[in-house]
């Protein structure tokens, strides 16, 4: 979840998190305006992030293959730079 130009952008994980844990979603929303303490990156976090990005990239390729009219916005690459 991130804020761009005053608009909140949600990832697929954010949508799933709403159903899993309302508290997590509340904290994420608060964190958009007021930075909360975060955990230090470790090897496990980096591995999960790398695998998550690879999964998202494969999914976009699959969508582009199935839906030839799909337009790419390079949003995923831009989003990664904001994190």
Protein backbone atom coordinates (compact mmCIF):
# COMPACT_ATOMS: atom_id res chain seq x y z
CA UNK A 1 0.00 0.00 0.00
CA UNK A 2 1.32 3.41 -0.88
CA UNK A 3 0.16 6.94 -1.46
CA UNK A 4 0.82 8.73 -4.75
CA UNK A 5 -0.53 12.15 -5.52
CA UNK A 6 -2.87 11.94 -2.55
CA UNK A 7 -4.39 8.69 -3.83
CA UNK A 8 -3.96 5.39 -1.94
CA UNK A 9 -2.82 2.50 -4.13
CA UNK A 10 -3.46 -1.06 -2.97
CA UNK A 11 -1.61 -4.23 -3.94
CA UNK A 12 -3.20 -7.67 -4.14
CA UNK A 13 -1.57 -8.46 -0.78
CA UNK A 14 -3.27 -5.42 0.76
CA UNK A 15 -6.67 -6.69 -0.36
CA UNK A 16 -5.97 -10.14 1.12
CA UNK A 17 -4.72 -8.55 4.35
CA UNK A 18 -8.11 -6.87 4.85
CA UNK A 19 -9.71 -10.31 5.13
CA UNK A 20 -6.90 -11.79 7.20
CA UNK A 21 -6.42 -9.06 9.80
CA UNK A 22 -8.21 -5.73 10.12
CA UNK A 23 -5.57 -4.59 12.62
CA UNK A 24 -2.80 -5.04 10.04
CA UNK A 25 -4.78 -2.99 7.51
CA UNK A 26 -5.37 -0.26 10.11
CA UNK A 27 -1.65 -0.10 10.87
CA UNK A 28 -0.82 0.07 7.16
CA UNK A 29 -3.24 2.96 6.68
CA UNK A 30 -1.80 4.83 9.66
CA UNK A 31 1.71 4.18 8.33
CA UNK A 32 0.87 6.03 5.12
CA UNK A 33 0.73 9.32 7.01
CA UNK A 34 2.73 8.61 10.17
CA UNK A 35 5.77 6.37 9.86
CA UNK A 36 5.56 3.49 12.32
CA UNK A 37 8.52 1.53 13.61
CA UNK A 38 9.45 -1.27 11.23
CA UNK A 39 11.51 -4.38 11.53
CA UNK A 40 15.06 -4.56 10.29
CA UNK A 41 15.53 -6.35 6.98
CA UNK A 42 17.07 -9.76 7.36
CA UNK A 43 17.78 -12.59 4.94
CA UNK A 44 14.31 -14.10 5.36
CA UNK A 45 12.56 -10.80 4.62
CA UNK A 46 14.76 -10.21 1.57
CA UNK A 47 14.10 -13.73 0.28
CA UNK A 48 10.32 -13.29 0.66
CA UNK A 49 10.49 -9.93 -1.09
CA UNK A 50 12.54 -11.34 -3.97
CA UNK A 51 10.22 -14.33 -4.39
CA UNK A 52 7.16 -12.06 -4.19
CA UNK A 53 8.47 -9.76 -6.91
CA UNK A 54 9.35 -12.76 -9.11
CA UNK A 55 5.82 -14.14 -8.62
CA UNK A 56 4.26 -10.79 -9.57
CA UNK A 57 6.47 -10.57 -12.67
CA UNK A 58 5.43 -14.08 -13.80
CA UNK A 59 1.78 -13.21 -13.20
CA UNK A 60 2.02 -10.08 -15.37
CA UNK A 61 3.66 -12.12 -18.16
CA UNK A 62 0.83 -14.66 -17.91
CA UNK A 63 -1.79 -11.91 -18.08
CA UNK A 64 -0.11 -10.35 -21.10
CA UNK A 65 -0.05 -13.77 -22.80
CA UNK A 66 -3.72 -14.45 -22.10
CA UNK A 67 -4.94 -10.92 -22.77
CA UNK A 68 -3.10 -9.49 -25.72
CA UNK A 69 -4.72 -6.07 -25.24
CA UNK A 70 -3.30 -5.68 -21.72
CA UNK A 71 -1.31 -2.46 -21.40
CA UNK A 72 1.74 -2.29 -19.17
CA UNK A 73 2.22 0.79 -17.01
CA UNK A 74 5.56 -0.10 -15.43
CA UNK A 75 3.79 0.48 -12.10
CA UNK A 76 5.42 -2.55 -10.46
CA UNK A 77 8.93 -1.27 -11.15
CA UNK A 78 8.02 2.20 -9.93
CA UNK A 79 6.42 0.76 -6.81
CA UNK A 80 9.54 -1.20 -5.90
CA UNK A 81 11.62 1.95 -6.00
CA UNK A 82 9.27 3.63 -3.49
CA UNK A 83 9.63 0.91 -0.87
